[in-house]
């Protein structure tokens, strides 16, 4: 319900006429306030279902003699050009096969070192959402969203140091995903990372060139850039990118795209949660800020079309601008070239979590797997590193972009709700970035 600058959202599981009209009136109170025409607003919100108000003719005609007859809304079903084929539906796969998958990952992880591997957590999940959307503009869409994922966490300890490793796979796919990605490989890789970090020295602190691998996924692009390009934050002046459309906000090597149409990716879908088709949106092109990600309300405020980014966790939440599959477009350099051209610095193979202030662009990220670069080669592993900087400043600094994009999966949280996303980037180099670790005079304890 939208009443001028005011909006309100409500939901119900009571789909009777009485239940829908009750919801409409409740939403109208939130949208117009108690002084508004609640009855009229409520009926408008469920236009075409029932006329509640009775009209009287002039001169005192009998109540109801001229009752308005609602005009039915003709719904036009939209078809999506997005193909998200499913070969093995998860609901057709027995629970025994799913349990076996988890055990395979767990056993492979423990087998790497039965003494040092202290804990393994392997989790499988799938979901099938049947989504139907109809609105007062005559739009009618149906979308079946099928997602599967497997996540492995490993804890290793030598009695003095505790380190963790992580790996995952997921997508808008069925059980066929685990023919492409083997559960045992996920378990082994997670264990290897935990064991490697046990032997690693503590990372040095200071400013240095940082090379982030395509294997790290697009965490930095998602957090330090993507959230700031969501239109609701922009319109509230909670984004460092507010008012900068058409400006150079990144290096000419940087093109950032949000694309909900890529087949198989965890953040893909046919329609967003307002019934708009998923689409490919070029947000930053060769460093120039081109557009933001919109839902229906924010697009109306800016006088533009929705971008297919209205998403929500379930019907219990209102749709808001969210990312789907967000990535930094690949460049021309091979990752080997980028390493070779870097005399010294830090190589980041896996990123962890972090924090971003979308208003200022400032961020800090954890490095889960890192190595020193010496004389243009990857050298010894280091642990405990963090990356600190400012999103727009870092994007301006990028001077190498690789040709090896790597995708990761996740659940993105915003306003108390989570949605599945993918993000990606190729190998990139950021000169003179602040790395948190230990200073030389502190020693390596």
Protein backbone atom coordinates (compact mmCIF):
# COMPACT_ATOMS: atom_id res chain seq x y z
CA UNK A 1 0.00 0.00 0.00
CA UNK A 2 1.46 3.39 -1.00
CA UNK A 3 -0.07 6.66 0.15
CA UNK A 4 2.07 9.53 -1.13
CA UNK A 5 5.34 9.35 0.79
CA UNK A 6 3.92 6.76 3.21
CA UNK A 7 4.05 3.04 2.55
CA UNK A 8 2.84 0.08 4.55
CA UNK A 9 3.14 -3.67 4.15
CA UNK A 10 1.13 -6.51 5.63
CA UNK A 11 0.53 -10.20 5.06
CA UNK A 12 -2.02 -12.85 5.85
CA UNK A 13 -2.48 -16.58 5.44
CA UNK A 14 -6.27 -16.13 5.45
CA UNK A 15 -7.14 -15.95 1.74
CA UNK A 16 -10.90 -15.66 2.23
CA UNK A 17 -12.64 -12.46 1.11
CA UNK A 18 -13.10 -11.47 4.75
CA UNK A 19 -9.44 -12.11 5.53
CA UNK A 20 -8.18 -10.12 2.54
CA UNK A 21 -10.40 -7.12 3.30
CA UNK A 22 -9.29 -7.16 6.94
CA UNK A 23 -5.65 -7.10 5.80
CA UNK A 24 -6.34 -4.28 3.34
CA UNK A 25 -7.81 -2.09 6.06
CA UNK A 26 -4.93 -2.81 8.42
CA UNK A 27 -2.42 -1.87 5.73
CA UNK A 28 -4.42 1.25 4.89
CA UNK A 29 -4.13 2.45 8.48
CA UNK A 30 -0.36 2.22 8.16
CA UNK A 31 -0.32 3.81 4.71
CA UNK A 32 -2.71 6.74 5.26
CA UNK A 33 -2.98 7.12 9.01
CA UNK A 34 -6.18 7.06 11.03
CA UNK A 35 -7.49 10.28 9.47
CA UNK A 36 -7.40 8.82 5.99
CA UNK A 37 -10.29 7.16 4.18
CA UNK A 38 -9.58 3.71 5.62
CA UNK A 39 -12.55 1.94 4.05
CA UNK A 40 -11.83 3.27 0.56
CA UNK A 41 -8.12 2.61 0.89
CA UNK A 42 -8.73 -0.94 2.04
CA UNK A 43 -11.00 -1.72 -0.86
CA UNK A 44 -8.50 -0.20 -3.30
CA UNK A 45 -5.74 -2.40 -1.93
CA UNK A 46 -7.71 -5.49 -2.93
CA UNK A 47 -9.18 -3.89 -6.04
CA UNK A 48 -11.35 -6.22 -8.07
CA UNK A 49 -12.16 -8.51 -5.17
CA UNK A 50 -15.11 -6.74 -3.46
CA UNK A 51 -16.68 -3.26 -3.20
CA UNK A 52 -17.14 -2.55 0.46
CA UNK A 53 -18.50 0.97 0.47
CA UNK A 54 -22.16 1.49 -0.37
CA UNK A 55 -23.12 4.54 -2.40
CA UNK A 56 -26.35 6.49 -2.09
CA UNK A 57 -27.99 8.51 -4.84
CA UNK A 58 -28.66 12.18 -4.28
CA UNK A 59 -31.97 12.97 -2.56
CA UNK A 60 -31.82 10.16 -0.03
CA UNK A 61 -32.13 7.07 -2.19
CA UNK A 62 -32.25 3.77 -0.32
CA UNK A 63 -28.86 2.64 0.90
CA UNK A 64 -27.20 0.20 -1.46
CA UNK A 65 -29.43 0.98 -4.43
CA UNK A 66 -26.51 2.39 -6.33
CA UNK A 67 -23.80 0.19 -4.93
CA UNK A 68 -20.67 0.30 -7.03
CA UNK A 69 -19.80 -2.85 -8.90
CA UNK A 70 -16.09 -3.61 -8.90
CA UNK A 71 -14.32 -3.93 -12.22
CA UNK A 72 -12.46 -7.24 -12.36
CA UNK A 73 -8.75 -6.99 -13.06
CA UNK A 74 -7.65 -8.93 -16.12
CA UNK A 75 -4.46 -10.73 -15.17
CA UNK A 76 -1.86 -11.24 -17.90
CA UNK A 77 0.56 -14.07 -17.21
CA UNK A 78 4.19 -13.18 -17.84
CA UNK A 79 6.67 -15.75 -19.07
CA UNK A 80 10.34 -15.53 -18.21
CA UNK A 81 13.18 -15.90 -20.73
CA UNK A 82 15.45 -17.05 -17.88
CA UNK A 83 16.25 -20.76 -18.03
CA UNK A 84 16.96 -22.48 -14.70
CA UNK A 85 16.73 -26.18 -15.57
CA UNK A 86 16.61 -28.80 -12.81
CA UNK A 87 17.73 -32.34 -13.67
CA UNK A 88 17.28 -34.08 -10.30
CA UNK A 89 14.63 -32.48 -8.12
CA UNK A 90 15.72 -32.58 -4.47
CA UNK A 91 12.25 -33.67 -3.35
CA UNK A 92 12.64 -36.79 -5.51
CA UNK A 93 15.98 -37.74 -3.91
CA UNK A 94 15.85 -40.03 -0.88
CA UNK A 95 17.06 -38.81 2.49
CA UNK A 96 19.61 -41.65 2.55
CA UNK A 97 21.47 -40.14 -0.43
CA UNK A 98 21.56 -36.76 1.25
CA UNK A 99 22.88 -38.25 4.48
CA UNK A 100 25.52 -40.15 2.51
CA UNK A 101 26.62 -36.88 0.91
CA UNK A 102 27.19 -35.25 4.30
CA UNK A 103 29.06 -38.31 5.61
CA UNK A 104 31.28 -38.34 2.53
CA UNK A 105 32.34 -34.75 3.14
CA UNK A 106 32.85 -35.33 6.87
CA UNK A 107 34.94 -38.47 6.43
CA UNK A 108 37.12 -36.91 3.73
CA UNK A 109 37.87 -33.96 6.01
CA UNK A 110 38.80 -36.11 9.01
CA UNK A 111 40.98 -38.35 6.88
CA UNK A 112 43.39 -35.47 6.19
CA UNK A 113 44.74 -35.68 9.76
CA UNK A 114 42.88 -37.62 12.42
CA UNK A 115 44.92 -36.07 15.24
CA UNK A 116 44.82 -32.39 14.31
CA UNK A 117 41.31 -32.25 12.88
CA UNK A 118 39.22 -31.66 16.01
CA UNK A 119 35.79 -30.91 14.59
CA UNK A 120 33.98 -31.22 11.26
CA UNK A 121 30.56 -29.76 10.54
CA UNK A 122 29.01 -30.67 7.19
CA UNK A 123 25.53 -29.50 6.31
CA UNK A 124 23.28 -30.16 3.32
CA UNK A 125 20.18 -28.10 2.54
CA UNK A 126 17.73 -27.73 -0.30
CA UNK A 127 14.64 -25.62 -0.78
CA UNK A 128 11.80 -25.51 -3.29
CA UNK A 129 9.75 -22.32 -3.32
CA UNK A 130 6.55 -22.06 -5.33
CA UNK A 131 5.96 -18.33 -5.83
CA UNK A 132 2.83 -16.78 -7.35
CA UNK A 133 2.49 -13.01 -7.69
CA UNK A 134 -0.59 -11.09 -8.88
CA UNK A 135 -1.05 -7.34 -8.55
CA UNK A 136 -3.56 -4.58 -9.27
CA UNK A 137 -1.70 -3.66 -12.48
CA UNK A 138 -2.72 -6.97 -14.01
CA UNK A 139 0.64 -8.70 -13.62
CA UNK A 140 0.56 -12.45 -12.92
CA UNK A 141 3.74 -14.53 -12.63
CA UNK A 142 4.70 -17.95 -11.35
CA UNK A 143 8.21 -18.97 -10.35
CA UNK A 144 9.60 -22.20 -8.96
CA UNK A 145 12.86 -21.60 -7.15
CA UNK A 146 14.97 -24.68 -6.47
CA UNK A 147 18.26 -24.35 -4.60
CA UNK A 148 20.71 -26.88 -3.18
CA UNK A 149 23.87 -26.40 -1.16
CA UNK A 150 26.52 -28.22 0.87
CA UNK A 151 28.72 -26.43 3.40
CA UNK A 152 31.73 -27.84 5.29
CA UNK A 153 33.44 -26.23 8.32
CA UNK A 154 36.59 -27.73 9.84
CA UNK A 155 38.39 -26.89 13.09
CA UNK A 156 42.02 -27.93 13.53
CA UNK A 157 44.24 -27.52 16.59
CA UNK A 158 47.76 -28.50 17.63
CA UNK A 159 47.03 -27.78 21.28
CA UNK A 160 48.30 -24.20 21.08
CA UNK A 161 46.70 -22.72 17.99
CA UNK A 162 43.16 -23.21 16.68
CA UNK A 163 42.41 -22.59 13.00
CA UNK A 164 39.38 -23.14 10.79
CA UNK A 165 38.74 -24.06 7.18
CA UNK A 166 35.63 -23.71 5.08
CA UNK A 167 34.31 -24.69 1.67
CA UNK A 168 30.89 -24.76 0.05
CA UNK A 169 28.95 -25.35 -3.14
CA UNK A 170 25.45 -24.31 -4.08
CA UNK A 171 23.23 -23.09 -6.87
CA UNK A 172 19.80 -22.95 -8.44
CA UNK A 173 20.23 -26.63 -9.19
CA UNK A 174 18.97 -29.96 -7.99
CA UNK A 175 20.94 -32.94 -6.76
CA UNK A 176 22.88 -32.98 -10.04
CA UNK A 177 25.05 -30.26 -8.47
CA UNK A 178 26.87 -32.96 -6.52
CA UNK A 179 27.83 -34.78 -9.68
CA UNK A 180 29.66 -31.62 -10.77
CA UNK A 181 31.09 -30.84 -7.31
CA UNK A 182 32.15 -33.80 -5.19
CA UNK A 183 31.33 -33.73 -1.49
CA UNK A 184 34.65 -35.36 -0.63
CA UNK A 185 36.55 -32.60 -2.44
CA UNK A 186 34.76 -29.95 -0.38
CA UNK A 187 35.67 -31.78 2.83
CA UNK A 188 39.30 -32.22 1.83
CA UNK A 189 39.75 -28.59 0.80
CA UNK A 190 38.21 -27.30 4.02
CA UNK A 191 40.51 -29.54 6.08
CA UNK A 192 43.59 -28.58 4.07
CA UNK A 193 42.93 -24.89 4.71
CA UNK A 194 42.57 -25.43 8.45
CA UNK A 195 45.77 -27.49 8.61
CA UNK A 196 47.70 -25.03 6.45
CA UNK A 197 46.80 -22.12 8.71
CA UNK A 198 48.05 -24.06 11.76
CA UNK A 199 51.55 -23.87 10.29
CA UNK A 200 51.24 -20.29 9.10
CA UNK A 201 53.10 -17.40 10.72
CA UNK A 202 51.17 -14.34 11.84
CA UNK A 203 50.60 -11.80 9.09
CA UNK A 204 52.69 -8.63 9.07
CA UNK A 205 50.93 -5.28 9.43
CA UNK A 206 51.33 -2.22 7.26
CA UNK A 207 50.58 -0.86 3.82
CA UNK A 208 51.34 -3.23 0.98
CA UNK A 209 50.20 -4.38 -2.43
CA UNK A 210 47.38 -6.92 -2.09
CA UNK A 211 46.42 -9.48 -4.71
CA UNK A 212 42.99 -11.05 -4.14
CA UNK A 213 42.47 -14.35 -5.94
CA UNK A 214 39.43 -15.23 -8.02
CA UNK A 215 39.06 -18.15 -5.59
CA UNK A 216 38.17 -15.62 -2.88
CA UNK A 217 34.88 -14.84 -4.60
CA UNK A 218 33.33 -11.40 -4.70
CA UNK A 219 33.01 -10.65 -0.98
CA UNK A 220 34.71 -7.28 -1.35
CA UNK A 221 32.58 -6.29 -4.36
CA UNK A 222 29.40 -7.42 -2.60
CA UNK A 223 30.10 -5.65 0.68
CA UNK A 224 32.26 -2.64 -0.17
CA UNK A 225 30.42 -1.77 -3.37
CA UNK A 226 27.16 -3.67 -3.86
CA UNK A 227 25.20 -2.61 -0.77
CA UNK A 228 25.99 1.02 -1.47
CA UNK A 229 24.32 0.68 -4.88
CA UNK A 230 20.95 -0.45 -3.45
CA UNK A 231 18.52 2.39 -4.12
CA UNK A 232 16.84 2.51 -0.71
CA UNK A 233 20.16 3.23 0.99
CA UNK A 234 21.04 5.76 -1.71
CA UNK A 235 17.74 7.63 -1.31
CA UNK A 236 18.19 7.78 2.46
CA UNK A 237 21.72 9.21 1.98
CA UNK A 238 23.11 6.13 3.69
CA UNK A 239 25.38 5.33 0.74
CA UNK A 240 28.72 6.81 -0.18
CA UNK A 241 27.51 6.62 -3.81
CA UNK A 242 24.48 8.90 -3.29
CA UNK A 243 24.41 11.72 -5.85
CA UNK A 244 27.32 10.26 -7.84
CA UNK A 245 25.54 8.73 -10.82
CA UNK A 246 27.52 9.45 -13.97
CA UNK A 247 30.73 10.07 -12.03
CA UNK A 248 34.00 8.15 -12.07
CA UNK A 249 33.83 6.05 -8.88
CA UNK A 250 36.34 3.34 -9.77
CA UNK A 251 39.30 2.51 -11.97
CA UNK A 252 38.63 2.26 -15.71
CA UNK A 253 39.40 -1.45 -15.31
CA UNK A 254 36.34 -1.90 -13.08
CA UNK A 255 32.94 -2.98 -14.41
CA UNK A 256 30.46 -4.21 -11.79
CA UNK A 257 27.36 -6.16 -12.83
CA UNK A 258 24.39 -7.54 -10.93
CA UNK A 259 22.74 -10.32 -12.92
CA UNK A 260 19.86 -12.45 -11.66
CA UNK A 261 19.56 -14.35 -14.94
CA UNK A 262 22.73 -16.50 -14.89
CA UNK A 263 21.72 -20.14 -15.08
CA UNK A 264 22.67 -22.23 -12.07
CA UNK A 265 23.95 -19.45 -9.82
CA UNK A 266 22.74 -19.35 -6.22
CA UNK A 267 21.38 -15.82 -6.52
CA UNK A 268 19.44 -16.34 -9.77
CA UNK A 269 15.67 -16.32 -10.26
CA UNK A 270 13.10 -15.82 -13.02
CA UNK A 271 11.12 -13.01 -11.39
CA UNK A 272 11.79 -10.84 -8.39
CA UNK A 273 9.33 -10.67 -5.51
CA UNK A 274 7.27 -7.91 -7.13
CA UNK A 275 6.83 -9.85 -10.38
CA UNK A 276 9.50 -7.98 -12.35
CA UNK A 277 11.66 -10.13 -14.64
CA UNK A 278 15.19 -10.79 -13.43
CA UNK A 279 17.69 -8.88 -15.52
CA UNK A 280 21.33 -8.02 -16.07
CA UNK A 281 22.20 -4.60 -14.66
CA UNK A 282 25.52 -2.91 -15.36
CA UNK A 283 26.02 -0.84 -12.22
CA UNK A 284 29.52 0.50 -12.87
CA UNK A 285 30.98 0.49 -16.39
CA UNK A 286 34.67 1.19 -16.88
CA UNK A 287 34.66 3.04 -13.60
CA UNK A 288 31.57 5.19 -14.28
CA UNK A 289 28.54 4.77 -11.99
CA UNK A 290 25.65 3.90 -14.33
CA UNK A 291 22.68 2.87 -12.20
CA UNK A 292 21.39 1.63 -8.87
CA UNK A 293 19.38 -1.47 -7.95
CA UNK A 294 15.67 -0.72 -7.54
CA UNK A 295 12.40 -2.13 -6.32
CA UNK A 296 9.05 -0.62 -7.36
CA UNK A 297 8.86 2.07 -4.66
CA UNK A 298 12.41 3.36 -5.04
CA UNK A 299 12.16 3.33 -8.85
CA UNK A 300 9.03 5.51 -8.69
CA UNK A 301 10.87 8.03 -6.53
CA UNK A 302 13.68 8.29 -9.08
CA UNK A 303 11.40 8.09 -12.13
CA UNK A 304 13.09 4.99 -13.56
CA UNK A 305 12.05 1.41 -14.27
CA UNK A 306 12.46 -1.34 -11.66
CA UNK A 307 15.63 -3.38 -12.18
CA UNK A 308 14.35 -6.78 -11.02
CA UNK A 309 16.04 -6.47 -7.61
CA UNK A 310 12.97 -6.46 -5.31
CA UNK A 311 13.63 -9.43 -3.05
CA UNK A 312 12.48 -10.78 0.31
CA UNK A 313 13.08 -13.80 2.50
CA UNK A 314 9.42 -14.92 2.54
CA UNK A 315 5.98 -13.38 2.13
CA UNK A 316 6.22 -12.23 5.75
CA UNK A 317 8.66 -9.50 4.68
CA UNK A 318 8.26 -6.58 2.30
CA UNK A 319 10.41 -6.66 -0.85
CA UNK A 320 13.37 -4.27 -0.81
CA UNK A 321 16.29 -3.63 -3.20
CA UNK A 322 18.73 -6.54 -2.92
CA UNK A 323 21.60 -7.98 -4.91
CA UNK A 324 21.32 -11.25 -6.84
CA UNK A 325 24.56 -12.39 -8.49
CA UNK A 326 26.99 -9.49 -8.25
CA UNK A 327 30.41 -9.60 -9.83
CA UNK A 328 33.40 -7.71 -11.10
CA UNK A 329 33.72 -8.37 -14.83
CA UNK A 330 36.91 -10.20 -15.90
CA UNK A 331 39.84 -8.37 -17.45
CA UNK A 332 42.76 -9.32 -19.65
CA UNK A 333 45.52 -10.41 -17.27
CA UNK A 334 46.14 -13.97 -16.16
CA UNK A 335 46.50 -14.50 -12.40
CA UNK A 336 50.06 -15.72 -12.99
CA UNK A 337 50.94 -12.42 -14.68
CA UNK A 338 49.51 -10.40 -11.82
CA UNK A 339 51.54 -12.33 -9.23
CA UNK A 340 54.68 -12.12 -11.35
CA UNK A 341 54.33 -8.33 -11.66
CA UNK A 342 54.02 -7.89 -7.87
CA UNK A 343 57.42 -7.72 -6.16
CA UNK A 344 56.09 -8.05 -2.63
CA UNK A 345 52.79 -7.98 -0.80
CA UNK A 346 49.94 -10.20 0.36
CA UNK A 347 48.11 -12.83 -1.69
CA UNK A 348 44.56 -13.52 -0.48
CA UNK A 349 43.13 -16.87 -1.53
CA UNK A 350 40.07 -16.94 0.74
CA UNK A 351 38.13 -14.07 2.30
CA UNK A 352 36.13 -14.23 5.50
CA UNK A 353 33.50 -11.98 6.97
CA UNK A 354 33.73 -8.27 7.50
CA UNK A 355 32.03 -5.00 8.29
CA UNK A 356 31.14 -2.11 5.98
CA UNK A 357 29.80 1.36 6.70
CA UNK A 358 27.73 2.07 3.57
CA UNK A 359 27.50 5.78 4.45
CA UNK A 360 31.26 6.32 4.42
CA UNK A 361 32.38 3.28 2.42
CA UNK A 362 34.87 2.24 5.11
CA UNK A 363 35.38 -1.52 5.51
CA UNK A 364 37.39 -4.19 7.28
CA UNK A 365 37.57 -7.80 6.06
CA UNK A 366 39.06 -10.96 7.51
CA UNK A 367 41.51 -13.02 5.47
CA UNK A 368 40.95 -16.75 5.97
CA UNK A 369 43.82 -17.94 3.78
CA UNK A 370 46.70 -15.66 2.87
CA UNK A 371 50.31 -15.85 1.68
CA UNK A 372 53.18 -13.43 1.42
CA UNK A 373 54.36 -12.47 -2.06
CA UNK A 374 58.13 -12.26 -2.46
CA UNK A 375 59.98 -11.49 -5.69
CA UNK A 376 56.86 -12.06 -7.78
CA UNK A 377 56.11 -15.48 -6.29
CA UNK A 378 53.64 -16.83 -3.72
CA UNK A 379 55.65 -17.56 -0.58
CA UNK A 380 54.85 -18.70 2.98
CA UNK A 381 51.30 -18.79 4.40
CA UNK A 382 50.21 -16.19 6.97
CA UNK A 383 47.26 -16.05 9.35
CA UNK A 384 45.33 -13.36 11.17
CA UNK A 385 45.40 -10.76 8.40
CA UNK A 386 42.69 -8.17 7.86
CA UNK A 387 42.11 -5.75 4.99
CA UNK A 388 41.07 -2.20 5.86
CA UNK A 389 40.10 0.57 3.48
CA UNK A 390 37.40 2.63 1.81
CA UNK A 391 35.26 1.14 -0.95
CA UNK A 392 35.41 3.92 -3.57
CA UNK A 393 39.09 4.58 -2.85
CA UNK A 394 39.97 0.90 -3.25
CA UNK A 395 37.98 0.62 -6.48
CA UNK A 396 39.92 3.61 -7.82
CA UNK A 397 43.23 1.94 -6.91
CA UNK A 398 42.68 -1.39 -8.70
CA UNK A 399 45.40 -1.60 -11.37
CA UNK A 400 45.13 -5.23 -12.50
CA UNK A 401 42.02 -7.32 -13.24
CA UNK A 402 42.40 -11.00 -14.08
CA UNK A 403 40.58 -13.29 -16.49
CA UNK A 404 39.63 -15.94 -13.90
CA UNK A 405 36.28 -15.08 -12.26
CA UNK A 406 35.37 -17.28 -9.29
CA UNK A 407 31.89 -17.47 -7.74
CA UNK A 408 30.94 -18.03 -4.12
CA UNK A 409 27.55 -18.44 -2.43
CA UNK A 410 26.04 -16.90 0.64
CA UNK A 411 22.98 -15.60 2.45
CA UNK A 412 22.92 -11.82 2.48
CA UNK A 413 21.34 -10.15 5.49
CA UNK A 414 19.60 -6.77 5.41
CA UNK A 415 16.79 -5.26 7.50
CA UNK A 416 16.36 -8.51 9.41
CA UNK A 417 15.87 -10.77 6.40
CA UNK A 418 18.22 -13.01 4.43
CA UNK A 419 18.22 -13.88 0.73
CA UNK A 420 20.45 -16.26 -1.27
CA UNK A 421 23.13 -14.52 -3.32
CA UNK A 422 26.20 -15.23 -5.40
CA UNK A 423 29.18 -12.96 -5.86
CA UNK A 424 32.33 -13.17 -7.92
CA UNK A 425 35.48 -11.46 -9.02
CA UNK A 426 38.60 -12.41 -10.94
CA UNK A 427 42.07 -11.98 -9.48
CA UNK A 428 42.68 -8.27 -8.79
CA UNK A 429 45.57 -6.18 -7.49
CA UNK A 430 45.12 -3.28 -5.08
CA UNK A 431 48.30 -1.28 -4.46
CA UNK A 432 49.10 0.20 -1.06
CA UNK A 433 46.23 -1.30 0.95
CA UNK A 434 46.24 -1.33 4.76
CA UNK A 435 46.81 -4.86 6.08
CA UNK A 436 46.19 -5.58 9.74
CA UNK A 437 48.43 -8.12 11.46
CA UNK A 438 51.46 -7.69 13.71
CA UNK A 439 54.16 -5.04 13.57
CA UNK A 440 57.72 -6.25 13.09
CA UNK A 441 58.79 -5.29 16.62
CA UNK A 442 55.94 -7.33 18.14
CA UNK A 443 57.38 -10.59 16.88
CA UNK A 444 55.48 -13.70 15.81
CA UNK A 445 53.99 -15.34 18.87
